[in-house]
């Protein structure tokens, strides 16, 4: 259970980082 939570948090962290980088890319274009 704890391992699944850690994996879930890691996936959410990666998703948030990727979305932040994408927004920065979009803002630099527009």
PDB file of N, CA and C in Angstrom:
ATOM      1  N   UNK A   1       0.833  -1.205   0.000  1.00  0.00           N
ATOM      2  CA  UNK A   1       0.000   0.000   0.000  1.00  0.00           C
ATOM      3  C   UNK A   1       0.868   1.255   0.000  1.00  0.00           C
ATOM      4  N   UNK A   2       1.864   1.287   0.870  1.00  0.00           N
ATOM      5  CA  UNK A   2       2.740   2.465   0.937  1.00  0.00           C
ATOM      6  C   UNK A   2       3.511   2.631  -0.367  1.00  0.00           C
ATOM      7  N   UNK A   3       3.957   1.510  -0.939  1.00  0.00           N
ATOM      8  CA  UNK A   3       4.708   1.591  -2.197  1.00  0.00           C
ATOM      9  C   UNK A   3       3.802   2.141  -3.300  1.00  0.00           C
ATOM     10  N   UNK A   4       2.552   1.710  -3.321  1.00  0.00           N
ATOM     11  CA  UNK A   4       1.626   2.202  -4.343  1.00  0.00           C
ATOM     12  C   UNK A   4       1.421   3.706  -4.179  1.00  0.00           C
ATOM     13  N   UNK A   5       1.335   4.165  -2.928  1.00  0.00           N
ATOM     14  CA  UNK A   5       1.175   5.604  -2.690  1.00  0.00           C
ATOM     15  C   UNK A   5       2.399   6.365  -3.175  1.00  0.00           C
ATOM     16  N   UNK A   6       3.590   5.818  -2.917  1.00  0.00           N
ATOM     17  CA  UNK A   6       4.819   6.488  -3.362  1.00  0.00           C
ATOM     18  C   UNK A   6       4.851   6.576  -4.880  1.00  0.00           C
ATOM     19  N   UNK A   7       4.463   5.481  -5.555  1.00  0.00           N
ATOM     20  CA  UNK A   7       4.451   5.484  -7.023  1.00  0.00           C
ATOM     21  C   UNK A   7       3.426   6.503  -7.524  1.00  0.00           C
ATOM     22  N   UNK A   8       2.266   6.551  -6.858  1.00  0.00           N
ATOM     23  CA  UNK A   8       1.223   7.496  -7.259  1.00  0.00           C
ATOM     24  C   UNK A   8       1.725   8.925  -7.126  1.00  0.00           C
ATOM     25  N   UNK A   9       2.386   9.236  -6.005  1.00  0.00           N
ATOM     26  CA  UNK A   9       2.905  10.593  -5.806  1.00  0.00           C
ATOM     27  C   UNK A   9       3.978  10.912  -6.837  1.00  0.00           C
ATOM     28  N   UNK A  10       4.830   9.936  -7.161  1.00  0.00           N
ATOM     29  CA  UNK A  10       5.887  10.168  -8.152  1.00  0.00           C
ATOM     30  C   UNK A  10       5.268  10.479  -9.514  1.00  0.00           C
ATOM     31  N   UNK A  11       4.212   9.736  -9.878  1.00  0.00           N
ATOM     32  CA  UNK A  11       3.564   9.978 -11.169  1.00  0.00           C
ATOM     33  C   UNK A  11       2.935  11.366 -11.199  1.00  0.00           C
ATOM     34  N   UNK A  12       2.268  11.752 -10.092  1.00  0.00           N
ATOM     35  CA  UNK A  12       1.651  13.082 -10.045  1.00  0.00           C
ATOM     36  C   UNK A  12       2.715  14.161 -10.122  1.00  0.00           C
ATOM     37  N   UNK A  13       3.863  13.946  -9.449  1.00  0.00           N
ATOM     38  CA  UNK A  13       4.954  14.926  -9.490  1.00  0.00           C
ATOM     39  C   UNK A  13       5.464  15.111 -10.906  1.00  0.00           C
ATOM     40  N   UNK A  14       5.646  13.999 -11.623  1.00  0.00           N
ATOM     41  CA  UNK A  14       6.119  14.077 -13.008  1.00  0.00           C
ATOM     42  C   UNK A  14       5.093  14.811 -13.870  1.00  0.00           C
ATOM     43  N   UNK A  15       3.814  14.509 -13.651  1.00  0.00           N
ATOM     44  CA  UNK A  15       2.756  15.140 -14.444  1.00  0.00           C
ATOM     45  C   UNK A  15       2.737  16.647 -14.203  1.00  0.00           C
ATOM     46  N   UNK A  16       2.849  17.049 -12.925  1.00  0.00           N
ATOM     47  CA  UNK A  16       2.824  18.479 -12.594  1.00  0.00           C
ATOM     48  C   UNK A  16       4.033  19.179 -13.206  1.00  0.00           C
ATOM     49  N   UNK A  17       5.213  18.563 -13.095  1.00  0.00           N
ATOM     50  CA  UNK A  17       6.425  19.176 -13.670  1.00  0.00           C
ATOM     51  C   UNK A  17       6.273  19.314 -15.178  1.00  0.00           C
ATOM     52  N   UNK A  18       5.759  18.288 -15.834  1.00  0.00           N
ATOM     53  CA  UNK A  18       5.597  18.335 -17.288  1.00  0.00           C
ATOM     54  C   UNK A  18       4.599  19.425 -17.672  1.00  0.00           C
ATOM     55  N   UNK A  19       3.499  19.546 -16.934  1.00  0.00           N
ATOM     56  CA  UNK A  19       2.499  20.563 -17.269  1.00  0.00           C
ATOM     57  C   UNK A  19       3.069  21.961 -17.056  1.00  0.00           C
ATOM     58  N   UNK A  20       3.886  22.138 -16.001  1.00  0.00           N
ATOM     59  CA  UNK A  20       4.495  23.447 -15.765  1.00  0.00           C
ATOM     60  C   UNK A  20       5.440  23.801 -16.904  1.00  0.00           C
ATOM     61  N   UNK A  21       6.237  22.842 -17.354  1.00  0.00           N
ATOM     62  CA  UNK A  21       7.161  23.098 -18.461  1.00  0.00           C
ATOM     63  C   UNK A  21       6.377  23.403 -19.736  1.00  0.00           C
ATOM     64  N   UNK A  22       5.264  22.692 -19.942  1.00  0.00           N
ATOM     65  CA  UNK A  22       4.454  22.936 -21.135  1.00  0.00           C
ATOM     66  C   UNK A  22       3.869  24.338 -21.107  1.00  0.00           C
ATOM     67  N   UNK A  23       3.381  24.786 -19.946  1.00  0.00           N
ATOM     68  CA  UNK A  23       2.806  26.129 -19.860  1.00  0.00           C
ATOM     69  C   UNK A  23       3.880  27.171 -20.121  1.00  0.00           C
ATOM     70  N   UNK A  24       5.100  26.941 -19.639  1.00  0.00           N
ATOM     71  CA  UNK A  24       6.187  27.890 -19.897  1.00  0.00           C
ATOM     72  C   UNK A  24       6.493  27.934 -21.392  1.00  0.00           C
ATOM     73  N   UNK A  25       6.487  26.774 -22.048  1.00  0.00           N
ATOM     74  CA  UNK A  25       6.727  26.731 -23.492  1.00  0.00           C
ATOM     75  C   UNK A  25       5.638  27.498 -24.235  1.00  0.00           C
ATOM     76  N   UNK A  26       4.388  27.255 -23.859  1.00  0.00           N
ATOM     77  CA  UNK A  26       3.267  27.927 -24.534  1.00  0.00           C
ATOM     78  C   UNK A  26       3.342  29.432 -24.305  1.00  0.00           C
ATOM     79  N   UNK A  27       3.672  29.856 -23.082  1.00  0.00           N
ATOM     80  CA  UNK A  27       3.766  31.287 -22.796  1.00  0.00           C
ATOM     81  C   UNK A  27       4.899  31.919 -23.595  1.00  0.00           C
ATOM     82  N   UNK A  28       5.984  31.198 -23.815  1.00  0.00           N
ATOM     83  CA  UNK A  28       7.106  31.757 -24.580  1.00  0.00           C
ATOM     84  C   UNK A  28       6.728  31.901 -26.054  1.00  0.00           C
ATOM     85  N   UNK A  29       5.816  31.063 -26.537  1.00  0.00           N
ATOM     86  CA  UNK A  29       5.399  31.159 -27.934  1.00  0.00           C
ATOM     87  C   UNK A  29       4.382  32.278 -28.129  1.00  0.00           C
ATOM     88  N   UNK A  30       3.456  32.444 -27.169  1.00  0.00           N
ATOM     89  CA  UNK A  30       2.392  33.443 -27.326  1.00  0.00           C
ATOM     90  C   UNK A  30       2.679  34.717 -26.541  1.00  0.00           C
TER      91      UNK A  30
END
